[in-house]
Amino acid sequence: MAWLFDEKSPIYLQIAYQIKLKIISKEIGIGQQLPPVREYAQEAAVNPNTMQRAFSELEHEGLVYSVRTAGRYVTDDAQLIEQKRQEIAQSLMENFVKDMKTIGFSSSDIQEAITTFTEQ
């Protein structure tokens, strides 16, 4: 099944983000080999060059690394993965609070809404 993309940002960045989420949520484990570019590209219904660019972005962030002739692997650096997890959580929280304040919620209203929602 093809992945869903929006038109707000480049597809390769959306792919990199989706794979990053799989890594930080441990859906893809530390040290695990990633599927080949062509296989992942077929799954996402994108050009292999787009997938290659997404993998390059993940390599630049240090989340994956290449082993010549053996493929790509998720980093063994658990501390880096946790750091990326915290960065994404911070970004999501900032956006959530900003959006809630935009629609008129106070800080205490937001805290109450979060507490109510998480206790369901």
N, C-alpha and C. Protein backbone atom coordinates (compact mmCIF):
# COMPACT_ATOMS: atom_id res chain seq x y z
N MET A 1 0.84 -1.17 0.00
CA MET A 1 0.00 0.00 0.00
C MET A 1 0.89 1.25 0.00
N ALA A 2 0.55 2.21 -0.85
CA ALA A 2 1.34 3.43 -0.97
C ALA A 2 1.22 4.29 0.29
N TRP A 3 2.28 5.00 0.59
CA TRP A 3 2.28 5.90 1.73
C TRP A 3 1.51 7.16 1.35
N LEU A 4 1.04 7.90 2.33
CA LEU A 4 0.31 9.13 2.07
C LEU A 4 1.23 10.33 2.27
N PHE A 5 1.22 11.23 1.30
CA PHE A 5 2.06 12.41 1.37
C PHE A 5 1.20 13.65 1.17
N ASP A 6 1.64 14.77 1.76
CA ASP A 6 0.95 16.03 1.54
C ASP A 6 1.83 16.90 0.64
N GLU A 7 1.33 18.06 0.30
CA GLU A 7 2.08 18.94 -0.60
C GLU A 7 2.78 20.07 0.16
N LYS A 8 2.86 19.95 1.50
CA LYS A 8 3.45 21.01 2.32
C LYS A 8 4.97 20.96 2.36
N SER A 9 5.55 19.80 2.14
CA SER A 9 7.01 19.67 2.18
C SER A 9 7.44 18.61 1.17
N PRO A 10 8.72 18.59 0.82
CA PRO A 10 9.20 17.61 -0.16
C PRO A 10 8.93 16.17 0.29
N ILE A 11 8.62 15.32 -0.65
CA ILE A 11 8.29 13.93 -0.35
C ILE A 11 9.45 13.22 0.35
N TYR A 12 10.68 13.48 -0.07
CA TYR A 12 11.81 12.79 0.55
C TYR A 12 11.91 13.12 2.04
N LEU A 13 11.57 14.36 2.42
CA LEU A 13 11.60 14.73 3.84
C LEU A 13 10.46 14.05 4.60
N GLN A 14 9.32 13.90 3.95
CA GLN A 14 8.20 13.20 4.59
C GLN A 14 8.53 11.73 4.79
N ILE A 15 9.18 11.13 3.81
CA ILE A 15 9.61 9.73 3.93
C ILE A 15 10.62 9.59 5.06
N ALA A 16 11.61 10.48 5.08
CA ALA A 16 12.64 10.43 6.13
C ALA A 16 11.98 10.56 7.50
N TYR A 17 11.01 11.46 7.62
CA TYR A 17 10.32 11.66 8.90
C TYR A 17 9.56 10.40 9.30
N GLN A 18 8.86 9.78 8.36
CA GLN A 18 8.10 8.56 8.67
C GLN A 18 9.03 7.43 9.11
N ILE A 19 10.16 7.29 8.45
CA ILE A 19 11.12 6.26 8.86
C ILE A 19 11.72 6.61 10.22
N LYS A 20 12.00 7.90 10.43
CA LYS A 20 12.52 8.35 11.73
C LYS A 20 11.54 7.99 12.84
N LEU A 21 10.24 8.20 12.60
CA LEU A 21 9.23 7.85 13.60
C LEU A 21 9.26 6.36 13.90
N LYS A 22 9.46 5.55 12.87
CA LYS A 22 9.53 4.10 13.08
C LYS A 22 10.77 3.73 13.90
N ILE A 23 11.84 4.47 13.72
CA ILE A 23 13.07 4.19 14.47
C ILE A 23 12.91 4.62 15.92
N ILE A 24 12.41 5.84 16.16
CA ILE A 24 12.33 6.32 17.55
C ILE A 24 11.24 5.61 18.34
N SER A 25 10.25 5.04 17.64
CA SER A 25 9.21 4.29 18.34
C SER A 25 9.60 2.82 18.51
N LYS A 26 10.77 2.48 17.98
CA LYS A 26 11.33 1.13 18.05
C LYS A 26 10.57 0.11 17.22
N GLU A 27 9.74 0.61 16.27
CA GLU A 27 9.12 -0.29 15.30
C GLU A 27 10.22 -0.91 14.42
N ILE A 28 11.23 -0.08 14.15
CA ILE A 28 12.46 -0.57 13.50
C ILE A 28 13.52 -0.52 14.59
N GLY A 29 14.10 -1.65 14.91
CA GLY A 29 14.99 -1.75 16.05
C GLY A 29 16.39 -1.22 15.82
N ILE A 30 17.07 -0.95 16.92
CA ILE A 30 18.46 -0.51 16.90
C ILE A 30 19.30 -1.58 16.20
N GLY A 31 20.12 -1.15 15.26
CA GLY A 31 21.00 -2.06 14.54
C GLY A 31 20.32 -2.87 13.45
N GLN A 32 19.02 -2.71 13.28
CA GLN A 32 18.28 -3.50 12.29
C GLN A 32 18.59 -3.02 10.88
N GLN A 33 18.67 -3.97 9.95
CA GLN A 33 18.91 -3.62 8.56
C GLN A 33 17.60 -3.11 7.94
N LEU A 34 17.73 -2.04 7.16
CA LEU A 34 16.57 -1.50 6.45
C LEU A 34 16.41 -2.21 5.12
N PRO A 35 15.18 -2.27 4.61
CA PRO A 35 14.99 -2.86 3.29
C PRO A 35 15.76 -2.07 2.23
N PRO A 36 16.08 -2.71 1.12
CA PRO A 36 16.79 -1.99 0.05
C PRO A 36 15.97 -0.80 -0.48
N VAL A 37 16.67 0.16 -1.07
CA VAL A 37 16.04 1.36 -1.60
C VAL A 37 14.89 1.02 -2.54
N ARG A 38 15.14 0.14 -3.48
CA ARG A 38 14.10 -0.20 -4.47
C ARG A 38 12.87 -0.82 -3.82
N GLU A 39 13.08 -1.66 -2.85
CA GLU A 39 11.96 -2.29 -2.16
C GLU A 39 11.13 -1.25 -1.39
N TYR A 40 11.82 -0.39 -0.66
CA TYR A 40 11.13 0.67 0.08
C TYR A 40 10.43 1.62 -0.87
N ALA A 41 11.08 1.95 -1.99
CA ALA A 41 10.49 2.86 -2.98
C ALA A 41 9.22 2.26 -3.57
N GLN A 42 9.24 0.98 -3.84
CA GLN A 42 8.06 0.31 -4.37
C GLN A 42 6.93 0.34 -3.34
N GLU A 43 7.26 0.08 -2.09
CA GLU A 43 6.26 0.10 -1.02
C GLU A 43 5.63 1.49 -0.88
N ALA A 44 6.45 2.53 -0.98
CA ALA A 44 5.97 3.91 -0.82
C ALA A 44 5.40 4.48 -2.13
N ALA A 45 5.57 3.75 -3.21
CA ALA A 45 5.12 4.19 -4.54
C ALA A 45 5.78 5.50 -4.94
N VAL A 46 7.12 5.54 -4.77
CA VAL A 46 7.90 6.71 -5.17
C VAL A 46 9.08 6.25 -6.02
N ASN A 47 9.71 7.21 -6.66
CA ASN A 47 10.89 6.95 -7.45
C ASN A 47 12.03 6.51 -6.51
N PRO A 48 12.83 5.52 -6.90
CA PRO A 48 13.96 5.11 -6.06
C PRO A 48 14.91 6.26 -5.71
N ASN A 49 15.04 7.24 -6.59
CA ASN A 49 15.90 8.39 -6.28
C ASN A 49 15.34 9.20 -5.11
N THR A 50 14.03 9.27 -5.01
CA THR A 50 13.39 9.97 -3.89
C THR A 50 13.69 9.23 -2.59
N MET A 51 13.58 7.92 -2.63
CA MET A 51 13.86 7.11 -1.45
C MET A 51 15.34 7.21 -1.08
N GLN A 52 16.21 7.21 -2.08
CA GLN A 52 17.65 7.36 -1.83
C GLN A 52 17.92 8.68 -1.13
N ARG A 53 17.24 9.72 -1.55
CA ARG A 53 17.44 11.04 -0.93
C ARG A 53 16.95 11.02 0.52
N ALA A 54 15.85 10.32 0.79
CA ALA A 54 15.34 10.20 2.17
C ALA A 54 16.36 9.46 3.03
N PHE A 55 16.91 8.38 2.51
CA PHE A 55 17.92 7.63 3.26
C PHE A 55 19.16 8.49 3.51
N SER A 56 19.55 9.29 2.52
CA SER A 56 20.70 10.17 2.68
C SER A 56 20.44 11.18 3.80
N GLU A 57 19.21 11.67 3.89
CA GLU A 57 18.84 12.60 4.95
C GLU A 57 18.97 11.92 6.32
N LEU A 58 18.52 10.68 6.42
CA LEU A 58 18.63 9.93 7.67
C LEU A 58 20.09 9.64 8.02
N GLU A 59 20.90 9.38 7.01
CA GLU A 59 22.33 9.17 7.24
C GLU A 59 22.97 10.46 7.74
N HIS A 60 22.58 11.59 7.16
CA HIS A 60 23.11 12.89 7.58
C HIS A 60 22.79 13.16 9.05
N GLU A 61 21.61 12.73 9.49
CA GLU A 61 21.21 12.90 10.90
C GLU A 61 21.87 11.88 11.81
N GLY A 62 22.48 10.85 11.21
CA GLY A 62 23.17 9.84 12.00
C GLY A 62 22.27 8.69 12.45
N LEU A 63 21.02 8.67 11.98
CA LEU A 63 20.10 7.62 12.41
C LEU A 63 20.33 6.30 11.68
N VAL A 64 20.86 6.37 10.48
CA VAL A 64 21.19 5.16 9.74
C VAL A 64 22.61 5.30 9.17
N TYR A 65 23.19 4.17 8.85
CA TYR A 65 24.52 4.17 8.22
C TYR A 65 24.56 3.08 7.17
N SER A 66 25.44 3.27 6.20
CA SER A 66 25.59 2.31 5.11
C SER A 66 26.80 1.44 5.33
N VAL A 67 26.65 0.19 4.96
CA VAL A 67 27.77 -0.74 4.92
C VAL A 67 27.89 -1.17 3.47
N ARG A 68 29.02 -0.85 2.89
CA ARG A 68 29.22 -1.13 1.46
C ARG A 68 28.85 -2.58 1.14
N THR A 69 28.03 -2.74 0.15
CA THR A 69 27.52 -4.02 -0.37
C THR A 69 26.64 -4.79 0.61
N ALA A 70 26.38 -4.24 1.80
CA ALA A 70 25.55 -4.96 2.77
C ALA A 70 24.27 -4.22 3.13
N GLY A 71 24.12 -2.97 2.66
CA GLY A 71 22.88 -2.25 2.91
C GLY A 71 23.00 -1.18 3.98
N ARG A 72 21.83 -0.75 4.42
CA ARG A 72 21.75 0.30 5.45
C ARG A 72 21.20 -0.28 6.74
N TYR A 73 21.70 0.27 7.84
CA TYR A 73 21.32 -0.19 9.16
C TYR A 73 20.97 0.99 10.06
N VAL A 74 20.09 0.74 11.01
CA VAL A 74 19.77 1.73 12.02
C VAL A 74 20.96 1.83 12.96
N THR A 75 21.26 3.05 13.39
CA THR A 75 22.38 3.27 14.29
C THR A 75 22.25 2.44 15.57
N ASP A 76 23.39 2.15 16.17
CA ASP A 76 23.42 1.47 17.46
C ASP A 76 23.42 2.49 18.61
N ASP A 77 23.41 3.77 18.28
CA ASP A 77 23.50 4.84 19.26
C ASP A 77 22.12 5.12 19.88
N ALA A 78 21.82 4.42 20.96
CA ALA A 78 20.51 4.57 21.63
C ALA A 78 20.32 5.99 22.16
N GLN A 79 21.41 6.64 22.56
CA GLN A 79 21.33 8.01 23.08
C GLN A 79 20.90 8.97 21.96
N LEU A 80 21.42 8.79 20.76
CA LEU A 80 21.02 9.63 19.62
C LEU A 80 19.55 9.42 19.30
N ILE A 81 19.11 8.18 19.31
CA ILE A 81 17.71 7.89 19.03
C ILE A 81 16.82 8.55 20.07
N GLU A 82 17.20 8.48 21.33
CA GLU A 82 16.42 9.13 22.39
C GLU A 82 16.42 10.65 22.22
N GLN A 83 17.55 11.19 21.82
CA GLN A 83 17.64 12.64 21.58
C GLN A 83 16.66 13.04 20.47
N LYS A 84 16.64 12.29 19.38
CA LYS A 84 15.72 12.58 18.26
C LYS A 84 14.27 12.43 18.71
N ARG A 85 14.02 11.45 19.56
CA ARG A 85 12.67 11.23 20.10
C ARG A 85 12.23 12.44 20.91
N GLN A 86 13.12 12.95 21.75
CA GLN A 86 12.81 14.13 22.56
C GLN A 86 12.61 15.37 21.69
N GLU A 87 13.42 15.52 20.64
CA GLU A 87 13.28 16.66 19.73
C GLU A 87 11.92 16.65 19.05
N ILE A 88 11.49 15.48 18.58
CA ILE A 88 10.19 15.39 17.92
C ILE A 88 9.07 15.65 18.91
N ALA A 89 9.18 15.10 20.11
CA ALA A 89 8.16 15.33 21.14
C ALA A 89 8.06 16.82 21.46
N GLN A 90 9.20 17.49 21.58
CA GLN A 90 9.22 18.93 21.87
C GLN A 90 8.53 19.71 20.76
N SER A 91 8.83 19.36 19.51
CA SER A 91 8.24 20.04 18.37
C SER A 91 6.72 19.83 18.32
N LEU A 92 6.30 18.60 18.53
CA LEU A 92 4.87 18.30 18.54
C LEU A 92 4.15 19.06 19.65
N MET A 93 4.77 19.11 20.81
CA MET A 93 4.17 19.81 21.94
C MET A 93 4.08 21.31 21.68
N GLU A 94 5.15 21.88 21.14
CA GLU A 94 5.14 23.31 20.83
C GLU A 94 4.02 23.64 19.84
N ASN A 95 3.90 22.83 18.80
CA ASN A 95 2.85 23.07 17.80
C ASN A 95 1.46 22.91 18.42
N PHE A 96 1.29 21.90 19.25
CA PHE A 96 0.00 21.66 19.90
C PHE A 96 -0.39 22.85 20.78
N VAL A 97 0.53 23.29 21.63
CA VAL A 97 0.23 24.40 22.55
C VAL A 97 -0.05 25.66 21.76
N LYS A 98 0.74 25.93 20.74
CA LYS A 98 0.53 27.11 19.90
C LYS A 98 -0.86 27.08 19.26
N ASP A 99 -1.23 25.93 18.71
CA ASP A 99 -2.54 25.79 18.08
C ASP A 99 -3.67 25.94 19.09
N MET A 100 -3.51 25.36 20.26
CA MET A 100 -4.54 25.47 21.30
C MET A 100 -4.71 26.92 21.75
N LYS A 101 -3.61 27.63 21.90
CA LYS A 101 -3.69 29.03 22.30
C LYS A 101 -4.32 29.88 21.19
N THR A 102 -4.05 29.51 19.94
CA THR A 102 -4.64 30.22 18.81
C THR A 102 -6.17 30.14 18.83
N ILE A 103 -6.69 29.01 19.30
CA ILE A 103 -8.16 28.87 19.35
C ILE A 103 -8.74 29.27 20.70
N GLY A 104 -7.91 29.91 21.53
CA GLY A 104 -8.43 30.52 22.74
C GLY A 104 -8.26 29.78 24.04
N PHE A 105 -7.49 28.71 24.07
CA PHE A 105 -7.27 27.98 25.32
C PHE A 105 -6.16 28.66 26.12
N SER A 106 -6.33 28.73 27.43
CA SER A 106 -5.28 29.23 28.31
C SER A 106 -4.36 28.05 28.65
N SER A 107 -3.23 28.37 29.28
CA SER A 107 -2.29 27.30 29.69
C SER A 107 -2.97 26.30 30.62
N SER A 108 -3.76 26.79 31.57
CA SER A 108 -4.43 25.87 32.49
C SER A 108 -5.50 25.05 31.77
N ASP A 109 -6.18 25.65 30.79
CA ASP A 109 -7.16 24.90 29.99
C ASP A 109 -6.47 23.77 29.22
N ILE A 110 -5.30 24.08 28.69
CA ILE A 110 -4.54 23.08 27.93
C ILE A 110 -4.11 21.94 28.84
N GLN A 111 -3.60 22.27 30.02
CA GLN A 111 -3.18 21.24 30.97
C GLN A 111 -4.36 20.37 31.37
N GLU A 112 -5.50 20.98 31.61
CA GLU A 112 -6.70 20.22 31.99
C GLU A 112 -7.16 19.32 30.85
N ALA A 113 -7.11 19.84 29.62
CA ALA A 113 -7.51 19.05 28.46
C ALA A 113 -6.59 17.85 28.29
N ILE A 114 -5.29 18.04 28.48
CA ILE A 114 -4.33 16.95 28.35
C ILE A 114 -4.59 15.90 29.43
N THR A 115 -4.79 16.35 30.64
CA THR A 115 -5.04 15.41 31.74
C THR A 115 -6.31 14.61 31.46
N THR A 116 -7.36 15.29 31.06
CA THR A 116 -8.63 14.61 30.77
C THR A 116 -8.44 13.61 29.64
N PHE A 117 -7.75 14.01 28.60
CA PHE A 117 -7.57 13.15 27.43
C PHE A 117 -6.72 11.93 27.78
N THR A 118 -5.66 12.11 28.53
CA THR A 118 -4.76 10.98 28.83
C THR A 118 -5.33 10.02 29.85
N GLU A 119 -6.33 10.47 30.62
CA GLU A 119 -6.93 9.58 31.61
C GLU A 119 -8.11 8.79 31.05
N GLN A 120 -8.42 8.98 29.81
CA GLN A 120 -9.55 8.23 29.21
C GLN A 120 -9.17 6.80 28.93
